[in-house]
């Protein structure tokens, strides 16, 4: 398992997401990733969380998948599964009476 300790900057952004400032967190994480060519899975996991808080399921999934690609043991795998279960639950009516 390749788990790197969360940097202070990522910890601050995690707190920012918890306070409900998803837009600010997305901006901060985008800058973090842009300035850190080898950003670890944690940054993408947090970015997925911020997008999920905003209800942007597609961007959340995209970032969770990037985190999983960088580290298959990332908590993003569970977050991705959770979103897929939610989407499958809400979209199952699309398949009925067809």
N, C-alpha and C. Protein backbone atom coordinates (compact mmCIF):
# COMPACT_ATOMS: atom_id res chain seq x y z
N UNK A 1 0.85 -1.18 0.00
CA UNK A 1 0.00 0.00 0.00
C UNK A 1 0.89 1.24 0.00
N UNK A 2 0.59 2.16 -0.90
CA UNK A 2 1.40 3.35 -1.07
C UNK A 2 0.65 4.56 -0.51
N UNK A 3 0.61 4.67 0.81
CA UNK A 3 -0.10 5.78 1.44
C UNK A 3 0.91 6.82 1.90
N UNK A 4 0.80 8.01 1.33
CA UNK A 4 1.68 9.09 1.73
C UNK A 4 0.95 9.94 2.77
N UNK A 5 1.66 10.47 3.74
CA UNK A 5 0.99 11.32 4.72
C UNK A 5 0.44 12.58 4.05
N UNK A 6 -0.70 13.00 4.51
CA UNK A 6 -1.33 14.19 3.94
C UNK A 6 -0.52 15.42 4.32
N UNK A 7 -0.24 16.24 3.32
CA UNK A 7 0.50 17.46 3.59
C UNK A 7 -0.38 18.42 4.38
N UNK A 8 0.25 19.40 5.00
CA UNK A 8 -0.50 20.40 5.74
C UNK A 8 -1.49 21.13 4.85
N UNK A 9 -1.09 21.40 3.61
CA UNK A 9 -1.97 22.10 2.68
C UNK A 9 -3.20 21.26 2.37
N UNK A 10 -3.01 19.97 2.14
CA UNK A 10 -4.16 19.11 1.86
C UNK A 10 -5.05 18.95 3.09
N UNK A 11 -4.45 18.92 4.26
CA UNK A 11 -5.23 18.85 5.50
C UNK A 11 -6.10 20.08 5.65
N UNK A 12 -5.55 21.25 5.34
CA UNK A 12 -6.32 22.50 5.41
C UNK A 12 -7.48 22.48 4.42
N UNK A 13 -7.23 21.94 3.22
CA UNK A 13 -8.28 21.87 2.20
C UNK A 13 -9.36 20.89 2.63
N UNK A 14 -8.97 19.80 3.27
CA UNK A 14 -9.95 18.82 3.78
C UNK A 14 -10.88 19.50 4.79
N UNK A 15 -10.31 20.32 5.65
CA UNK A 15 -11.11 21.06 6.63
C UNK A 15 -12.03 22.05 5.91
N UNK A 16 -11.52 22.69 4.88
CA UNK A 16 -12.31 23.63 4.08
C UNK A 16 -13.53 22.93 3.47
N UNK A 17 -13.34 21.73 2.95
CA UNK A 17 -14.45 20.96 2.39
C UNK A 17 -15.46 20.65 3.49
N UNK A 18 -14.96 20.25 4.65
CA UNK A 18 -15.84 19.94 5.78
C UNK A 18 -16.67 21.12 6.24
N UNK A 19 -16.13 22.32 6.06
CA UNK A 19 -16.86 23.54 6.43
C UNK A 19 -17.87 23.94 5.37
N UNK A 20 -17.83 23.25 4.22
CA UNK A 20 -18.81 23.53 3.17
C UNK A 20 -18.32 24.45 2.08
N UNK A 21 -17.04 24.80 2.09
CA UNK A 21 -16.50 25.68 1.05
C UNK A 21 -15.93 24.83 -0.08
N UNK A 22 -16.82 24.14 -0.80
CA UNK A 22 -16.39 23.25 -1.87
C UNK A 22 -15.77 24.02 -3.03
N UNK A 23 -16.34 25.17 -3.38
CA UNK A 23 -15.80 25.96 -4.49
C UNK A 23 -14.37 26.41 -4.20
N UNK A 24 -14.14 26.91 -3.01
CA UNK A 24 -12.79 27.33 -2.64
C UNK A 24 -11.83 26.15 -2.60
N UNK A 25 -12.32 25.01 -2.14
CA UNK A 25 -11.49 23.81 -2.09
C UNK A 25 -11.13 23.34 -3.50
N UNK A 26 -12.07 23.41 -4.42
CA UNK A 26 -11.79 23.01 -5.81
C UNK A 26 -10.71 23.90 -6.40
N UNK A 27 -10.81 25.19 -6.16
CA UNK A 27 -9.79 26.11 -6.67
C UNK A 27 -8.43 25.81 -6.05
N UNK A 28 -8.40 25.61 -4.73
CA UNK A 28 -7.13 25.33 -4.05
C UNK A 28 -6.54 23.99 -4.51
N UNK A 29 -7.38 22.98 -4.67
CA UNK A 29 -6.89 21.67 -5.11
C UNK A 29 -6.42 21.71 -6.56
N UNK A 30 -7.12 22.44 -7.40
CA UNK A 30 -6.70 22.57 -8.79
C UNK A 30 -5.32 23.22 -8.86
N UNK A 31 -5.10 24.24 -8.05
CA UNK A 31 -3.79 24.89 -7.99
C UNK A 31 -2.73 23.94 -7.44
N UNK A 32 -3.09 23.20 -6.40
CA UNK A 32 -2.16 22.24 -5.79
C UNK A 32 -1.72 21.21 -6.82
N UNK A 33 -2.68 20.65 -7.55
CA UNK A 33 -2.37 19.62 -8.55
C UNK A 33 -1.54 20.21 -9.69
N UNK A 34 -1.91 21.40 -10.12
CA UNK A 34 -1.17 22.06 -11.21
C UNK A 34 0.29 22.31 -10.81
N UNK A 35 0.52 22.64 -9.55
CA UNK A 35 1.87 22.99 -9.08
C UNK A 35 2.65 21.79 -8.55
N UNK A 36 2.03 20.63 -8.48
CA UNK A 36 2.69 19.42 -7.98
C UNK A 36 2.50 18.32 -9.02
N UNK A 37 3.45 18.22 -9.92
CA UNK A 37 3.34 17.28 -11.05
C UNK A 37 3.10 15.85 -10.56
N UNK A 38 3.57 15.52 -9.40
CA UNK A 38 3.41 14.17 -8.88
C UNK A 38 2.44 14.16 -7.70
N UNK A 39 1.35 14.90 -7.84
CA UNK A 39 0.35 14.95 -6.77
C UNK A 39 -0.12 13.52 -6.47
N UNK A 40 -0.26 13.22 -5.20
CA UNK A 40 -0.65 11.87 -4.84
C UNK A 40 -2.17 11.70 -4.94
N UNK A 41 -2.61 10.51 -4.71
CA UNK A 41 -4.04 10.18 -4.84
C UNK A 41 -4.90 11.00 -3.89
N UNK A 42 -4.36 11.42 -2.77
CA UNK A 42 -5.14 12.15 -1.77
C UNK A 42 -5.71 13.44 -2.35
N UNK A 43 -4.93 14.14 -3.17
CA UNK A 43 -5.40 15.39 -3.76
C UNK A 43 -6.60 15.14 -4.67
N UNK A 44 -6.54 14.08 -5.47
CA UNK A 44 -7.64 13.76 -6.37
C UNK A 44 -8.86 13.25 -5.60
N UNK A 45 -8.62 12.51 -4.53
CA UNK A 45 -9.72 12.05 -3.67
C UNK A 45 -10.45 13.25 -3.07
N UNK A 46 -9.69 14.20 -2.55
CA UNK A 46 -10.31 15.39 -1.96
C UNK A 46 -11.04 16.22 -3.02
N UNK A 47 -10.46 16.30 -4.21
CA UNK A 47 -11.11 17.03 -5.29
C UNK A 47 -12.43 16.35 -5.65
N UNK A 48 -12.44 15.03 -5.68
CA UNK A 48 -13.68 14.29 -5.90
C UNK A 48 -14.70 14.59 -4.82
N UNK A 49 -14.25 14.65 -3.57
CA UNK A 49 -15.16 14.97 -2.46
C UNK A 49 -15.76 16.37 -2.62
N UNK A 50 -14.94 17.32 -3.03
CA UNK A 50 -15.43 18.69 -3.19
C UNK A 50 -16.49 18.75 -4.30
N UNK A 51 -16.21 18.08 -5.41
CA UNK A 51 -17.21 18.06 -6.50
C UNK A 51 -18.48 17.33 -6.07
N UNK A 52 -18.32 16.27 -5.29
CA UNK A 52 -19.50 15.54 -4.80
C UNK A 52 -20.35 16.45 -3.92
N UNK A 53 -19.71 17.23 -3.07
CA UNK A 53 -20.45 18.18 -2.21
C UNK A 53 -21.25 19.18 -3.03
N UNK A 54 -20.74 19.50 -4.21
CA UNK A 54 -21.44 20.46 -5.09
C UNK A 54 -22.49 19.76 -5.95
N UNK A 55 -22.55 18.44 -5.88
CA UNK A 55 -23.52 17.70 -6.67
C UNK A 55 -23.06 17.43 -8.09
N UNK A 56 -21.78 17.64 -8.37
CA UNK A 56 -21.23 17.39 -9.70
C UNK A 56 -20.69 15.96 -9.71
N UNK A 57 -21.60 15.00 -9.96
CA UNK A 57 -21.27 13.58 -9.87
C UNK A 57 -20.20 13.19 -10.88
N UNK A 58 -20.27 13.71 -12.10
CA UNK A 58 -19.32 13.31 -13.14
C UNK A 58 -17.89 13.73 -12.78
N UNK A 59 -17.73 14.96 -12.34
CA UNK A 59 -16.38 15.41 -11.96
C UNK A 59 -15.89 14.68 -10.71
N UNK A 60 -16.80 14.37 -9.80
CA UNK A 60 -16.42 13.59 -8.63
C UNK A 60 -15.90 12.23 -9.05
N UNK A 61 -16.65 11.55 -9.93
CA UNK A 61 -16.23 10.24 -10.41
C UNK A 61 -14.89 10.32 -11.15
N UNK A 62 -14.73 11.32 -12.00
CA UNK A 62 -13.47 11.46 -12.74
C UNK A 62 -12.28 11.57 -11.80
N UNK A 63 -12.43 12.35 -10.74
CA UNK A 63 -11.32 12.53 -9.81
C UNK A 63 -11.11 11.31 -8.93
N UNK A 64 -12.18 10.64 -8.55
CA UNK A 64 -12.02 9.39 -7.80
C UNK A 64 -11.28 8.36 -8.65
N UNK A 65 -11.62 8.28 -9.94
CA UNK A 65 -10.94 7.33 -10.82
C UNK A 65 -9.45 7.66 -10.96
N UNK A 66 -9.12 8.94 -11.02
CA UNK A 66 -7.71 9.34 -11.08
C UNK A 66 -6.99 8.93 -9.80
N UNK A 67 -7.63 9.13 -8.66
CA UNK A 67 -7.03 8.73 -7.38
C UNK A 67 -6.81 7.22 -7.34
N UNK A 68 -7.80 6.46 -7.81
CA UNK A 68 -7.69 5.00 -7.81
C UNK A 68 -6.57 4.54 -8.74
N UNK A 69 -6.42 5.22 -9.88
CA UNK A 69 -5.35 4.87 -10.82
C UNK A 69 -3.98 5.08 -10.17
N UNK A 70 -3.86 6.13 -9.38
CA UNK A 70 -2.59 6.42 -8.71
C UNK A 70 -2.35 5.51 -7.52
N UNK A 71 -3.43 5.07 -6.88
CA UNK A 71 -3.31 4.20 -5.71
C UNK A 71 -4.58 3.36 -5.60
N UNK A 72 -4.53 2.10 -6.03
CA UNK A 72 -5.72 1.25 -5.99
C UNK A 72 -6.30 1.07 -4.58
N UNK A 73 -5.51 1.34 -3.56
CA UNK A 73 -5.98 1.21 -2.17
C UNK A 73 -6.58 2.51 -1.64
N UNK A 74 -6.69 3.51 -2.48
CA UNK A 74 -7.21 4.81 -2.07
C UNK A 74 -8.65 4.69 -1.57
N UNK A 75 -9.03 5.52 -0.60
CA UNK A 75 -10.43 5.55 -0.16
C UNK A 75 -11.37 6.01 -1.27
N UNK A 76 -10.80 6.51 -2.36
CA UNK A 76 -11.61 6.92 -3.51
C UNK A 76 -12.37 5.73 -4.09
N UNK A 77 -11.84 4.52 -3.93
CA UNK A 77 -12.53 3.33 -4.45
C UNK A 77 -13.89 3.17 -3.76
N UNK A 78 -13.92 3.34 -2.45
CA UNK A 78 -15.19 3.25 -1.72
C UNK A 78 -16.11 4.41 -2.08
N UNK A 79 -15.54 5.60 -2.24
CA UNK A 79 -16.35 6.77 -2.61
C UNK A 79 -16.96 6.59 -3.99
N UNK A 80 -16.18 6.04 -4.92
CA UNK A 80 -16.70 5.78 -6.27
C UNK A 80 -17.84 4.77 -6.22
N UNK A 81 -17.66 3.71 -5.46
CA UNK A 81 -18.72 2.70 -5.33
C UNK A 81 -19.99 3.30 -4.73
N UNK A 82 -19.82 4.18 -3.74
CA UNK A 82 -20.97 4.82 -3.11
C UNK A 82 -21.74 5.65 -4.14
N UNK A 83 -21.04 6.44 -4.94
CA UNK A 83 -21.70 7.27 -5.95
C UNK A 83 -22.41 6.38 -6.97
N UNK A 84 -21.76 5.33 -7.39
CA UNK A 84 -22.38 4.44 -8.38
C UNK A 84 -23.66 3.82 -7.81
N UNK A 85 -23.64 3.43 -6.54
CA UNK A 85 -24.84 2.89 -5.91
C UNK A 85 -25.96 3.92 -5.85
N UNK A 86 -25.61 5.15 -5.53
CA UNK A 86 -26.60 6.22 -5.48
C UNK A 86 -27.19 6.47 -6.86
N UNK A 87 -26.32 6.58 -7.85
CA UNK A 87 -26.80 6.84 -9.21
C UNK A 87 -27.65 5.68 -9.72
N UNK A 88 -27.24 4.46 -9.44
CA UNK A 88 -28.03 3.31 -9.86
C UNK A 88 -29.39 3.28 -9.18
N UNK A 89 -29.45 3.68 -7.92
CA UNK A 89 -30.71 3.72 -7.18
C UNK A 89 -31.65 4.75 -7.79
N UNK A 90 -31.13 5.95 -8.02
CA UNK A 90 -31.98 7.02 -8.55
C UNK A 90 -32.35 6.84 -10.01
N UNK A 91 -31.54 6.14 -10.75
CA UNK A 91 -31.79 5.98 -12.18
C UNK A 91 -32.49 4.67 -12.54
N UNK A 92 -32.80 3.85 -11.55
CA UNK A 92 -33.42 2.57 -11.89
C UNK A 92 -34.80 2.74 -12.50
N UNK A 93 -35.48 3.84 -12.24
CA UNK A 93 -36.79 4.09 -12.85
C UNK A 93 -36.69 4.25 -14.36
N UNK A 94 -35.52 4.63 -14.83
CA UNK A 94 -35.34 4.80 -16.27
C UNK A 94 -35.49 3.48 -17.02
N UNK A 95 -35.28 2.37 -16.31
CA UNK A 95 -35.30 1.06 -16.94
C UNK A 95 -36.67 0.40 -16.85
N UNK A 96 -37.55 0.89 -16.02
CA UNK A 96 -38.87 0.29 -15.82
C UNK A 96 -39.82 0.73 -16.92
N UNK A 97 -40.76 -0.11 -17.25
CA UNK A 97 -41.83 0.18 -18.22
C UNK A 97 -41.29 0.59 -19.58
N UNK A 98 -40.20 0.01 -19.99
CA UNK A 98 -39.65 0.37 -21.31
C UNK A 98 -40.01 -0.68 -22.32
